[in-house]
Amino acid sequence: MNFNKLGTNIKQPKDMPDIKNLQKLGKLYQLGEAGANEIGTKLENLDAEFQVNYDHNPIHHMEERMKDVQSLAEKMRRKGYEMTIDNIEMHIFDIAGIECLNNYV
């Protein structure tokens, strides 16, 4: 999505966030998603290695997720931070996450 082109074609209402801030938020989410995908891939490779070397899979289920933007806004409000990209980067550490269920330890 080209946010610069979008910003020139749409008349922005006063209560809407700035298009540049939406672009920064999009980049932040893309970075988080890429990180979660990379860690997820590493965990899948470790699981496959255990299957080959030890004949069992330690990971039962794995799911990557991204925090919903509405949940992000609510968390910022709850913590008392102004909704800015800088505040999100400095104070919110769970935009992306991986749930990993193990059969046993």
PDB file of N, CA and C in Angstrom:
ATOM      1  N   MET A   1       0.847  -1.169   0.000  1.00  0.00           N
ATOM      2  CA  MET A   1       0.000   0.000   0.000  1.00  0.00           C
ATOM      3  C   MET A   1       0.894   1.234   0.000  1.00  0.00           C
ATOM      4  N   ASN A   2       0.617   2.156  -0.890  1.00  0.00           N
ATOM      5  CA  ASN A   2       1.389   3.384  -0.989  1.00  0.00           C
ATOM      6  C   ASN A   2       0.702   4.472  -0.176  1.00  0.00           C
ATOM      7  N   PHE A   3       1.214   4.717   1.050  1.00  0.00           N
ATOM      8  CA  PHE A   3       0.588   5.686   1.943  1.00  0.00           C
ATOM      9  C   PHE A   3       0.751   7.119   1.437  1.00  0.00           C
ATOM     10  N   ASN A   4       1.852   7.417   0.752  1.00  0.00           N
ATOM     11  CA  ASN A   4       2.042   8.768   0.221  1.00  0.00           C
ATOM     12  C   ASN A   4       0.987   9.087  -0.822  1.00  0.00           C
ATOM     13  N   LYS A   5       0.727   8.154  -1.722  1.00  0.00           N
ATOM     14  CA  LYS A   5      -0.304   8.343  -2.740  1.00  0.00           C
ATOM     15  C   LYS A   5      -1.678   8.415  -2.090  1.00  0.00           C
ATOM     16  N   LEU A   6      -1.921   7.585  -1.102  1.00  0.00           N
ATOM     17  CA  LEU A   6      -3.186   7.597  -0.384  1.00  0.00           C
ATOM     18  C   LEU A   6      -3.428   8.955   0.263  1.00  0.00           C
ATOM     19  N   GLY A   7      -2.379   9.532   0.845  1.00  0.00           N
ATOM     20  CA  GLY A   7      -2.510  10.824   1.512  1.00  0.00           C
ATOM     21  C   GLY A   7      -2.845  11.959   0.572  1.00  0.00           C
ATOM     22  N   THR A   8      -2.409  11.869  -0.689  1.00  0.00           N
ATOM     23  CA  THR A   8      -2.711  12.937  -1.642  1.00  0.00           C
ATOM     24  C   THR A   8      -4.101  12.803  -2.228  1.00  0.00           C
ATOM     25  N   ASN A   9      -4.668  11.603  -2.204  1.00  0.00           N
ATOM     26  CA  ASN A   9      -5.974  11.369  -2.817  1.00  0.00           C
ATOM     27  C   ASN A   9      -7.136  11.497  -1.850  1.00  0.00           C
ATOM     28  N   ILE A  10      -6.867  11.543  -0.567  1.00  0.00           N
ATOM     29  CA  ILE A  10      -7.936  11.558   0.431  1.00  0.00           C
ATOM     30  C   ILE A  10      -7.874  12.851   1.228  1.00  0.00           C
ATOM     31  N   LYS A  11      -9.005  13.508   1.349  1.00  0.00           N
ATOM     32  CA  LYS A  11      -9.087  14.668   2.229  1.00  0.00           C
ATOM     33  C   LYS A  11      -9.240  14.139   3.648  1.00  0.00           C
ATOM     34  N   GLN A  12      -8.326  14.512   4.500  1.00  0.00           N
ATOM     35  CA  GLN A  12      -8.238  13.953   5.846  1.00  0.00           C
ATOM     36  C   GLN A  12      -9.157  14.698   6.816  1.00  0.00           C
ATOM     37  N   PRO A  13     -10.100  13.975   7.472  1.00  0.00           N
ATOM     38  CA  PRO A  13     -10.905  14.610   8.508  1.00  0.00           C
ATOM     39  C   PRO A  13     -10.037  15.024   9.697  1.00  0.00           C
ATOM     40  N   LYS A  14     -10.490  15.979  10.468  1.00  0.00           N
ATOM     41  CA  LYS A  14      -9.695  16.511  11.579  1.00  0.00           C
ATOM     42  C   LYS A  14      -9.408  15.469  12.654  1.00  0.00           C
ATOM     43  N   ASP A  15     -10.316  14.521  12.879  1.00  0.00           N
ATOM     44  CA  ASP A  15     -10.115  13.544  13.948  1.00  0.00           C
ATOM     45  C   ASP A  15      -9.355  12.296  13.487  1.00  0.00           C
ATOM     46  N   MET A  16      -8.933  12.255  12.237  1.00  0.00           N
ATOM     47  CA  MET A  16      -8.186  11.111  11.720  1.00  0.00           C
ATOM     48  C   MET A  16      -6.695  11.286  11.983  1.00  0.00           C
ATOM     49  N   PRO A  17      -5.967  10.179  12.224  1.00  0.00           N
ATOM     50  CA  PRO A  17      -4.517  10.276  12.401  1.00  0.00           C
ATOM     51  C   PRO A  17      -3.850  10.713  11.096  1.00  0.00           C
ATOM     52  N   ASP A  18      -2.703  11.323  11.221  1.00  0.00           N
ATOM     53  CA  ASP A  18      -1.924  11.757  10.069  1.00  0.00           C
ATOM     54  C   ASP A  18      -1.503  10.538   9.252  1.00  0.00           C
ATOM     55  N   ILE A  19      -1.555  10.662   7.924  1.00  0.00           N
ATOM     56  CA  ILE A  19      -1.178   9.564   7.032  1.00  0.00           C
ATOM     57  C   ILE A  19       0.266   9.117   7.298  1.00  0.00           C
ATOM     58  N   LYS A  20       1.169  10.054   7.553  1.00  0.00           N
ATOM     59  CA  LYS A  20       2.570   9.688   7.838  1.00  0.00           C
ATOM     60  C   LYS A  20       2.658   8.818   9.088  1.00  0.00           C
ATOM     61  N   ASN A  21       1.846   9.118  10.122  1.00  0.00           N
ATOM     62  CA  ASN A  21       1.844   8.288  11.324  1.00  0.00           C
ATOM     63  C   ASN A  21       1.289   6.905  11.037  1.00  0.00           C
ATOM     64  N   LEU A  22       0.287   6.825  10.170  1.00  0.00           N
ATOM     65  CA  LEU A  22      -0.241   5.511   9.782  1.00  0.00           C
ATOM     66  C   LEU A  22       0.829   4.710   9.045  1.00  0.00           C
ATOM     67  N   GLN A  23       1.616   5.389   8.225  1.00  0.00           N
ATOM     68  CA  GLN A  23       2.688   4.715   7.514  1.00  0.00           C
ATOM     69  C   GLN A  23       3.738   4.189   8.495  1.00  0.00           C
ATOM     70  N   LYS A  24       4.094   4.991   9.488  1.00  0.00           N
ATOM     71  CA  LYS A  24       5.062   4.556  10.502  1.00  0.00           C
ATOM     72  C   LYS A  24       4.515   3.375  11.293  1.00  0.00           C
ATOM     73  N   LEU A  25       3.223   3.424  11.632  1.00  0.00           N
ATOM     74  CA  LEU A  25       2.614   2.314  12.358  1.00  0.00           C
ATOM     75  C   LEU A  25       2.620   1.054  11.500  1.00  0.00           C
ATOM     76  N   GLY A  26       2.333   1.205  10.213  1.00  0.00           N
ATOM     77  CA  GLY A  26       2.382   0.064   9.292  1.00  0.00           C
ATOM     78  C   GLY A  26       3.768  -0.553   9.228  1.00  0.00           C
ATOM     79  N   LYS A  27       4.798   0.288   9.192  1.00  0.00           N
ATOM     80  CA  LYS A  27       6.168  -0.211   9.168  1.00  0.00           C
ATOM     81  C   LYS A  27       6.515  -0.921  10.476  1.00  0.00           C
ATOM     82  N   LEU A  28       6.043  -0.373  11.600  1.00  0.00           N
ATOM     83  CA  LEU A  28       6.289  -0.992  12.904  1.00  0.00           C
ATOM     84  C   LEU A  28       5.638  -2.377  12.966  1.00  0.00           C
ATOM     85  N   TYR A  29       4.400  -2.480  12.476  1.00  0.00           N
ATOM     86  CA  TYR A  29       3.720  -3.773  12.456  1.00  0.00           C
ATOM     87  C   TYR A  29       4.414  -4.743  11.509  1.00  0.00           C
ATOM     88  N   GLN A  30       4.885  -4.266  10.367  1.00  0.00           N
ATOM     89  CA  GLN A  30       5.572  -5.134   9.425  1.00  0.00           C
ATOM     90  C   GLN A  30       6.853  -5.672  10.042  1.00  0.00           C
ATOM     91  N   LEU A  31       7.584  -4.823  10.754  1.00  0.00           N
ATOM     92  CA  LEU A  31       8.813  -5.255  11.420  1.00  0.00           C
ATOM     93  C   LEU A  31       8.512  -6.306  12.489  1.00  0.00           C
ATOM     94  N   GLY A  32       7.458  -6.079  13.274  1.00  0.00           N
ATOM     95  CA  GLY A  32       7.064  -7.061  14.292  1.00  0.00           C
ATOM     96  C   GLY A  32       6.646  -8.384  13.680  1.00  0.00           C
ATOM     97  N   GLU A  33       5.891  -8.323  12.595  1.00  0.00           N
ATOM     98  CA  GLU A  33       5.454  -9.547  11.930  1.00  0.00           C
ATOM     99  C   GLU A  33       6.637 -10.313  11.338  1.00  0.00           C
ATOM    100  N   ALA A  34       7.581  -9.585  10.764  1.00  0.00           N
ATOM    101  CA  ALA A  34       8.779 -10.233  10.208  1.00  0.00           C
ATOM    102  C   ALA A  34       9.583 -10.909  11.318  1.00  0.00           C
ATOM    103  N   GLY A  35       9.700 -10.250  12.465  1.00  0.00           N
ATOM    104  CA  GLY A  35      10.418 -10.842  13.596  1.00  0.00           C
ATOM    105  C   GLY A  35       9.738 -12.096  14.110  1.00  0.00           C
ATOM    106  N   ALA A  36       8.411 -12.039  14.245  1.00  0.00           N
ATOM    107  CA  ALA A  36       7.663 -13.214  14.711  1.00  0.00           C
ATOM    108  C   ALA A  36       7.791 -14.361  13.714  1.00  0.00           C
ATOM    109  N   ASN A  37       7.748 -14.055  12.427  1.00  0.00           N
ATOM    110  CA  ASN A  37       7.907 -15.095  11.403  1.00  0.00           C
ATOM    111  C   ASN A  37       9.293 -15.728  11.478  1.00  0.00           C
ATOM    112  N   GLU A  38      10.315 -14.906  11.688  1.00  0.00           N
ATOM    113  CA  GLU A  38      11.683 -15.436  11.761  1.00  0.00           C
ATOM    114  C   GLU A  38      11.856 -16.353  12.968  1.00  0.00           C
ATOM    115  N   ILE A  39      11.384 -15.938  14.125  1.00  0.00           N
ATOM    116  CA  ILE A  39      11.493 -16.776  15.325  1.00  0.00           C
ATOM    117  C   ILE A  39      10.645 -18.040  15.159  1.00  0.00           C
ATOM    118  N   GLY A  40       9.453 -17.891  14.574  1.00  0.00           N
ATOM    119  CA  GLY A  40       8.601 -19.056  14.325  1.00  0.00           C
ATOM    120  C   GLY A  40       9.287 -20.077  13.431  1.00  0.00           C
ATOM    121  N   THR A  41       9.957 -19.601  12.399  1.00  0.00           N
ATOM    122  CA  THR A  41      10.689 -20.497  11.498  1.00  0.00           C
ATOM    123  C   THR A  41      11.812 -21.214  12.235  1.00  0.00           C
ATOM    124  N   LYS A  42      12.536 -20.495  13.080  1.00  0.00           N
ATOM    125  CA  LYS A  42      13.619 -21.125  13.856  1.00  0.00           C
ATOM    126  C   LYS A  42      13.064 -22.213  14.781  1.00  0.00           C
ATOM    127  N   LEU A  43      11.923 -21.938  15.421  1.00  0.00           N
ATOM    128  CA  LEU A  43      11.316 -22.942  16.297  1.00  0.00           C
ATOM    129  C   LEU A  43      10.841 -24.157  15.499  1.00  0.00           C
ATOM    130  N   GLU A  44      10.287 -23.942  14.310  1.00  0.00           N
ATOM    131  CA  GLU A  44       9.874 -25.065  13.458  1.00  0.00           C
ATOM    132  C   GLU A  44      11.084 -25.914  13.063  1.00  0.00           C
ATOM    133  N   ASN A  45      12.204 -25.250  12.761  1.00  0.00           N
ATOM    134  CA  ASN A  45      13.417 -25.991  12.405  1.00  0.00           C
ATOM    135  C   ASN A  45      13.942 -26.802  13.587  1.00  0.00           C
ATOM    136  N   LEU A  46      13.914 -26.227  14.787  1.00  0.00           N
ATOM    137  CA  LEU A  46      14.329 -26.980  15.976  1.00  0.00           C
ATOM    138  C   LEU A  46      13.422 -28.182  16.208  1.00  0.00           C
ATOM    139  N   ASP A  47      12.132 -28.009  16.006  1.00  0.00           N
ATOM    140  CA  ASP A  47      11.178 -29.109  16.172  1.00  0.00           C
ATOM    141  C   ASP A  47      11.486 -30.228  15.177  1.00  0.00           C
ATOM    142  N   ALA A  48      11.765 -29.867  13.931  1.00  0.00           N
ATOM    143  CA  ALA A  48      12.103 -30.869  12.911  1.00  0.00           C
ATOM    144  C   ALA A  48      13.418 -31.581  13.239  1.00  0.00           C
ATOM    145  N   GLU A  49      14.380 -30.815  13.761  1.00  0.00           N
ATOM    146  CA  GLU A  49      15.660 -31.417  14.150  1.00  0.00           C
ATOM    147  C   GLU A  49      15.464 -32.442  15.263  1.00  0.00           C
ATOM    148  N   PHE A  50      14.623 -32.112  16.246  1.00  0.00           N
ATOM    149  CA  PHE A  50      14.344 -33.073  17.321  1.00  0.00           C
ATOM    150  C   PHE A  50      13.662 -34.313  16.766  1.00  0.00           C
ATOM    151  N   GLN A  51      12.798 -34.159  15.786  1.00  0.00           N
ATOM    152  CA  GLN A  51      12.114 -35.315  15.193  1.00  0.00           C
ATOM    153  C   GLN A  51      13.128 -36.254  14.544  1.00  0.00           C
ATOM    154  N   VAL A  52      14.085 -35.690  13.824  1.00  0.00           N
ATOM    155  CA  VAL A  52      15.090 -36.509  13.136  1.00  0.00           C
ATOM    156  C   VAL A  52      16.068 -37.138  14.128  1.00  0.00           C
ATOM    157  N   ASN A  53      16.557 -36.345  15.083  1.00  0.00           N
ATOM    158  CA  ASN A  53      17.615 -36.822  15.979  1.00  0.00           C
ATOM    159  C   ASN A  53      17.123 -37.615  17.180  1.00  0.00           C
ATOM    160  N   TYR A  54      15.928 -37.298  17.673  1.00  0.00           N
ATOM    161  CA  TYR A  54      15.465 -37.908  18.927  1.00  0.00           C
ATOM    162  C   TYR A  54      14.108 -38.585  18.805  1.00  0.00           C
ATOM    163  N   ASP A  55      13.549 -38.611  17.602  1.00  0.00           N
ATOM    164  CA  ASP A  55      12.283 -39.289  17.314  1.00  0.00           C
ATOM    165  C   ASP A  55      11.116 -38.773  18.157  1.00  0.00           C
ATOM    166  N   HIS A  56      11.099 -37.479  18.441  1.00  0.00           N
ATOM    167  CA  HIS A  56       9.930 -36.861  19.069  1.00  0.00           C
ATOM    168  C   HIS A  56       9.902 -35.372  18.759  1.00  0.00           C
ATOM    169  N   ASN A  57       8.716 -34.817  18.823  1.00  0.00           N
ATOM    170  CA  ASN A  57       8.529 -33.396  18.560  1.00  0.00           C
ATOM    171  C   ASN A  57       8.199 -32.687  19.868  1.00  0.00           C
ATOM    172  N   PRO A  58       9.087 -31.833  20.351  1.00  0.00           N
ATOM    173  CA  PRO A  58       8.805 -31.135  21.605  1.00  0.00           C
ATOM    174  C   PRO A  58       7.717 -30.064  21.476  1.00  0.00           C
ATOM    175  N   ILE A  59       7.504 -29.539  20.273  1.00  0.00           N
ATOM    176  CA  ILE A  59       6.501 -28.490  20.088  1.00  0.00           C
ATOM    177  C   ILE A  59       5.206 -29.130  19.614  1.00  0.00           C
ATOM    178  N   HIS A  60       4.174 -28.992  20.428  1.00  0.00           N
ATOM    179  CA  HIS A  60       2.870 -29.549  20.088  1.00  0.00           C
ATOM    180  C   HIS A  60       2.110 -28.620  19.144  1.00  0.00           C
ATOM    181  N   HIS A  61       2.143 -27.324  19.443  1.00  0.00           N
ATOM    182  CA  HIS A  61       1.400 -26.338  18.650  1.00  0.00           C
ATOM    183  C   HIS A  61       2.106 -24.995  18.745  1.00  0.00           C
ATOM    184  N   MET A  62       2.129 -24.266  17.632  1.00  0.00           N
ATOM    185  CA  MET A  62       2.743 -22.944  17.636  1.00  0.00           C
ATOM    186  C   MET A  62       1.881 -22.009  16.792  1.00  0.00           C
ATOM    187  N   GLU A  63       1.703 -20.808  17.304  1.00  0.00           N
ATOM    188  CA  GLU A  63       0.891 -19.822  16.594  1.00  0.00           C
ATOM    189  C   GLU A  63       1.514 -18.430  16.751  1.00  0.00           C
ATOM    190  N   GLU A  64       1.692 -17.759  15.640  1.00  0.00           N
ATOM    191  CA  GLU A  64       2.186 -16.381  15.657  1.00  0.00           C
ATOM    192  C   GLU A  64       0.982 -15.451  15.624  1.00  0.00           C
ATOM    193  N   ARG A  65       1.117 -14.290  16.271  1.00  0.00           N
ATOM    194  CA  ARG A  65       0.002 -13.348  16.286  1.00  0.00           C
ATOM    195  C   ARG A  65       0.512 -11.919  16.335  1.00  0.00           C
ATOM    196  N   MET A  66      -0.332 -11.011  15.859  1.00  0.00           N
ATOM    197  CA  MET A  66      -0.069  -9.578  15.915  1.00  0.00           C
ATOM    198  C   MET A  66      -1.166  -8.939  16.762  1.00  0.00           C
ATOM    199  N   LYS A  67      -0.783  -7.989  17.620  1.00  0.00           N
ATOM    200  CA  LYS A  67      -1.750  -7.291  18.458  1.00  0.00           C
ATOM    201  C   LYS A  67      -2.672  -6.467  17.572  1.00  0.00           C
ATOM    202  N   ASP A  68      -3.959  -6.589  17.814  1.00  0.00           N
ATOM    203  CA  ASP A  68      -4.952  -5.808  17.099  1.00  0.00           C
ATOM    204  C   ASP A  68      -4.735  -4.324  17.401  1.00  0.00           C
ATOM    205  N   VAL A  69      -4.921  -3.456  16.411  1.00  0.00           N
ATOM    206  CA  VAL A  69      -4.687  -2.025  16.593  1.00  0.00           C
ATOM    207  C   VAL A  69      -5.600  -1.454  17.683  1.00  0.00           C
ATOM    208  N   GLN A  70      -6.831  -1.945  17.762  1.00  0.00           N
ATOM    209  CA  GLN A  70      -7.738  -1.482  18.818  1.00  0.00           C
ATOM    210  C   GLN A  70      -7.216  -1.879  20.197  1.00  0.00           C
ATOM    211  N   SER A  71      -6.660  -3.074  20.323  1.00  0.00           N
ATOM    212  CA  SER A  71      -6.071  -3.508  21.592  1.00  0.00           C
ATOM    213  C   SER A  71      -4.850  -2.667  21.932  1.00  0.00           C
ATOM    214  N   LEU A  72      -4.084  -2.312  20.909  1.00  0.00           N
ATOM    215  CA  LEU A  72      -2.917  -1.457  21.111  1.00  0.00           C
ATOM    216  C   LEU A  72      -3.349  -0.090  21.642  1.00  0.00           C
ATOM    217  N   ALA A  73      -4.360   0.493  21.026  1.00  0.00           N
ATOM    218  CA  ALA A  73      -4.844   1.807  21.465  1.00  0.00           C
ATOM    219  C   ALA A  73      -5.376   1.736  22.891  1.00  0.00           C
ATOM    220  N   GLU A  74      -6.092   0.677  23.227  1.00  0.00           N
ATOM    221  CA  GLU A  74      -6.633   0.511  24.584  1.00  0.00           C
ATOM    222  C   GLU A  74      -5.500   0.367  25.597  1.00  0.00           C
ATOM    223  N   LYS A  75      -4.467  -0.395  25.250  1.00  0.00           N
ATOM    224  CA  LYS A  75      -3.336  -0.573  26.160  1.00  0.00           C
ATOM    225  C   LYS A  75      -2.608   0.750  26.385  1.00  0.00           C
ATOM    226  N   MET A  76      -2.435   1.533  25.330  1.00  0.00           N
ATOM    227  CA  MET A  76      -1.792   2.841  25.464  1.00  0.00           C
ATOM    228  C   MET A  76      -2.616   3.740  26.388  1.00  0.00           C
ATOM    229  N   ARG A  77      -3.927   3.737  26.216  1.00  0.00           N
ATOM    230  CA  ARG A  77      -4.811   4.543  27.055  1.00  0.00           C
ATOM    231  C   ARG A  77      -4.742   4.080  28.507  1.00  0.00           C
ATOM    232  N   ARG A  78      -4.789   2.770  28.709  1.00  0.00           N
ATOM    233  CA  ARG A  78      -4.766   2.197  30.048  1.00  0.00           C
ATOM    234  C   ARG A  78      -3.467   2.529  30.792  1.00  0.00           C
ATOM    235  N   LYS A  79      -2.351   2.542  30.052  1.00  0.00           N
ATOM    236  CA  LYS A  79      -1.050   2.846  30.665  1.00  0.00           C
ATOM    237  C   LYS A  79      -0.816   4.348  30.800  1.00  0.00           C
ATOM    238  N   GLY A  80      -1.697   5.153  30.221  1.00  0.00           N
ATOM    239  CA  GLY A  80      -1.593   6.594  30.353  1.00  0.00           C
ATOM    240  C   GLY A  80      -0.628   7.254  29.382  1.00  0.00           C
ATOM    241  N   TYR A  81      -0.342   6.607  28.260  1.00  0.00           N
ATOM    242  CA  TYR A  81       0.563   7.166  27.267  1.00  0.00           C
ATOM    243  C   TYR A  81      -0.229   7.780  26.119  1.00  0.00           C
ATOM    244  N   GLU A  82       0.301   8.877  25.583  1.00  0.00           N
ATOM    245  CA  GLU A  82      -0.280   9.477  24.386  1.00  0.00           C
ATOM    246  C   GLU A  82      -0.039   8.519  23.221  1.00  0.00           C
ATOM    247  N   MET A  83      -1.001   8.412  22.321  1.00  0.00           N
ATOM    248  CA  MET A  83      -0.916   7.483  21.196  1.00  0.00           C
ATOM    249  C   MET A  83      -0.014   8.065  20.103  1.00  0.00           C
ATOM    250  N   THR A  84       1.308   7.869  20.278  1.00  0.00           N
ATOM    251  CA  THR A  84       2.282   8.271  19.270  1.00  0.00           C
ATOM    252  C   THR A  84       3.150   7.067  18.925  1.00  0.00           C
ATOM    253  N   ILE A  85       3.733   7.108  17.761  1.00  0.00           N
ATOM    254  CA  ILE A  85       4.607   6.006  17.332  1.00  0.00           C
ATOM    255  C   ILE A  85       5.798   5.874  18.274  1.00  0.00           C
ATOM    256  N   ASP A  86       6.377   6.994  18.676  1.00  0.00           N
ATOM    257  CA  ASP A  86       7.513   6.947  19.606  1.00  0.00           C
ATOM    258  C   ASP A  86       7.129   6.281  20.924  1.00  0.00           C
ATOM    259  N   ASN A  87       5.961   6.620  21.463  1.00  0.00           N
ATOM    260  CA  ASN A  87       5.507   5.995  22.711  1.00  0.00           C
ATOM    261  C   ASN A  87       5.254   4.510  22.530  1.00  0.00           C
ATOM    262  N   ILE A  88       4.711   4.126  21.396  1.00  0.00           N
ATOM    263  CA  ILE A  88       4.484   2.698  21.134  1.00  0.00           C
ATOM    264  C   ILE A  88       5.823   1.966  21.118  1.00  0.00           C
ATOM    265  N   GLU A  89       6.806   2.524  20.413  1.00  0.00           N
ATOM    266  CA  GLU A  89       8.121   1.875  20.321  1.00  0.00           C
ATOM    267  C   GLU A  89       8.813   1.788  21.679  1.00  0.00           C
ATOM    268  N   MET A  90       8.618   2.796  22.541  1.00  0.00           N
ATOM    269  CA  MET A  90       9.314   2.825  23.831  1.00  0.00           C
ATOM    270  C   MET A  90       8.608   2.020  24.923  1.00  0.00           C
ATOM    271  N   HIS A  91       7.278   1.848  24.835  1.00  0.00           N
ATOM    272  CA  HIS A  91       6.542   1.312  25.974  1.00  0.00           C
ATOM    273  C   HIS A  91       5.747   0.031  25.703  1.00  0.00           C
ATOM    274  N   ILE A  92       5.561  -0.338  24.468  1.00  0.00           N
ATOM    275  CA  ILE A  92       4.767  -1.528  24.158  1.00  0.00           C
ATOM    276  C   ILE A  92       5.690  -2.583  23.564  1.00  0.00           C
ATOM    277  N   PHE A  93       5.722  -3.746  24.206  1.00  0.00           N
ATOM    278  CA  PHE A  93       6.674  -4.784  23.813  1.00  0.00           C
ATOM    279  C   PHE A  93       5.999  -6.064  23.329  1.00  0.00           C
ATOM    280  N   ASP A  94       4.691  -6.023  23.134  1.00  0.00           N
ATOM    281  CA  ASP A  94       3.996  -7.242  22.722  1.00  0.00           C
ATOM    282  C   ASP A  94       3.124  -7.021  21.488  1.00  0.00           C
ATOM    283  N   ILE A  95       3.619  -6.239  20.538  1.00  0.00           N
ATOM    284  CA  ILE A  95       2.876  -6.056  19.289  1.00  0.00           C
ATOM    285  C   ILE A  95       2.841  -7.375  18.523  1.00  0.00           C
ATOM    286  N   ALA A  96       3.937  -8.102  18.548  1.00  0.00           N
ATOM    287  CA  ALA A  96       4.010  -9.415  17.920  1.00  0.00           C
ATOM    288  C   ALA A  96       4.305 -10.446  19.000  1.00  0.00           C
ATOM    289  N   GLY A  97       3.790 -11.652  18.817  1.00  0.00           N
ATOM    290  CA  GLY A  97       4.043 -12.693  19.798  1.00  0.00           C
ATOM    291  C   GLY A  97       3.933 -14.078  19.181  1.00  0.00           C
ATOM    292  N   ILE A  98       4.476 -15.040  19.892  1.00  0.00           N
ATOM    293  CA  ILE A  98       4.389 -16.441  19.479  1.00  0.00           C
ATOM    294  C   ILE A  98       3.910 -17.255  20.672  1.00  0.00           C
ATOM    295  N   GLU A  99       2.875 -18.024  20.450  1.00  0.00           N
ATOM    296  CA  GLU A  99       2.402 -18.970  21.460  1.00  0.00           C
ATOM    297  C   GLU A  99       2.964 -20.336  21.073  1.00  0.00           C
ATOM    298  N   CYS A 100       3.668 -20.959  22.005  1.00  0.00           N
ATOM    299  CA  CYS A 100       4.317 -22.224  21.736  1.00  0.00           C
ATOM    300  C   CYS A 100       3.926 -23.212  22.839  1.00  0.00           C
ATOM    301  N   LEU A 101       3.180 -24.248  22.499  1.00  0.00           N
ATOM    302  CA  LEU A 101       2.767 -25.264  23.452  1.00  0.00           C
ATOM    303  C   LEU A 101       3.664 -26.488  23.307  1.00  0.00           C
ATOM    304  N   ASN A 102       4.246 -26.905  24.430  1.00  0.00           N
ATOM    305  CA  ASN A 102       5.144 -28.063  24.430  1.00  0.00           C
ATOM    306  C   ASN A 102       4.448 -29.259  25.060  1.00  0.00           C
ATOM    307  N   ASN A 103       4.750 -30.440  24.546  1.00  0.00           N
ATOM    308  CA  ASN A 103       4.189 -31.657  25.110  1.00  0.00           C
ATOM    309  C   ASN A 103       4.730 -31.928  26.503  1.00  0.00           C
ATOM    310  N   TYR A 104       5.990 -31.673  26.687  1.00  0.00           N
ATOM    311  CA  TYR A 104       6.661 -31.889  27.963  1.00  0.00           C
ATOM    312  C   TYR A 104       7.978 -31.156  27.945  1.00  0.00           C
ATOM    313  N   VAL A 105       8.589 -31.053  29.110  1.00  0.00           N
ATOM    314  CA  VAL A 105       9.871 -30.351  29.201  1.00  0.00           C
ATOM    315  C   VAL A 105      10.974 -31.342  29.441  1.00  0.00           C
TER     316      VAL A 105
END
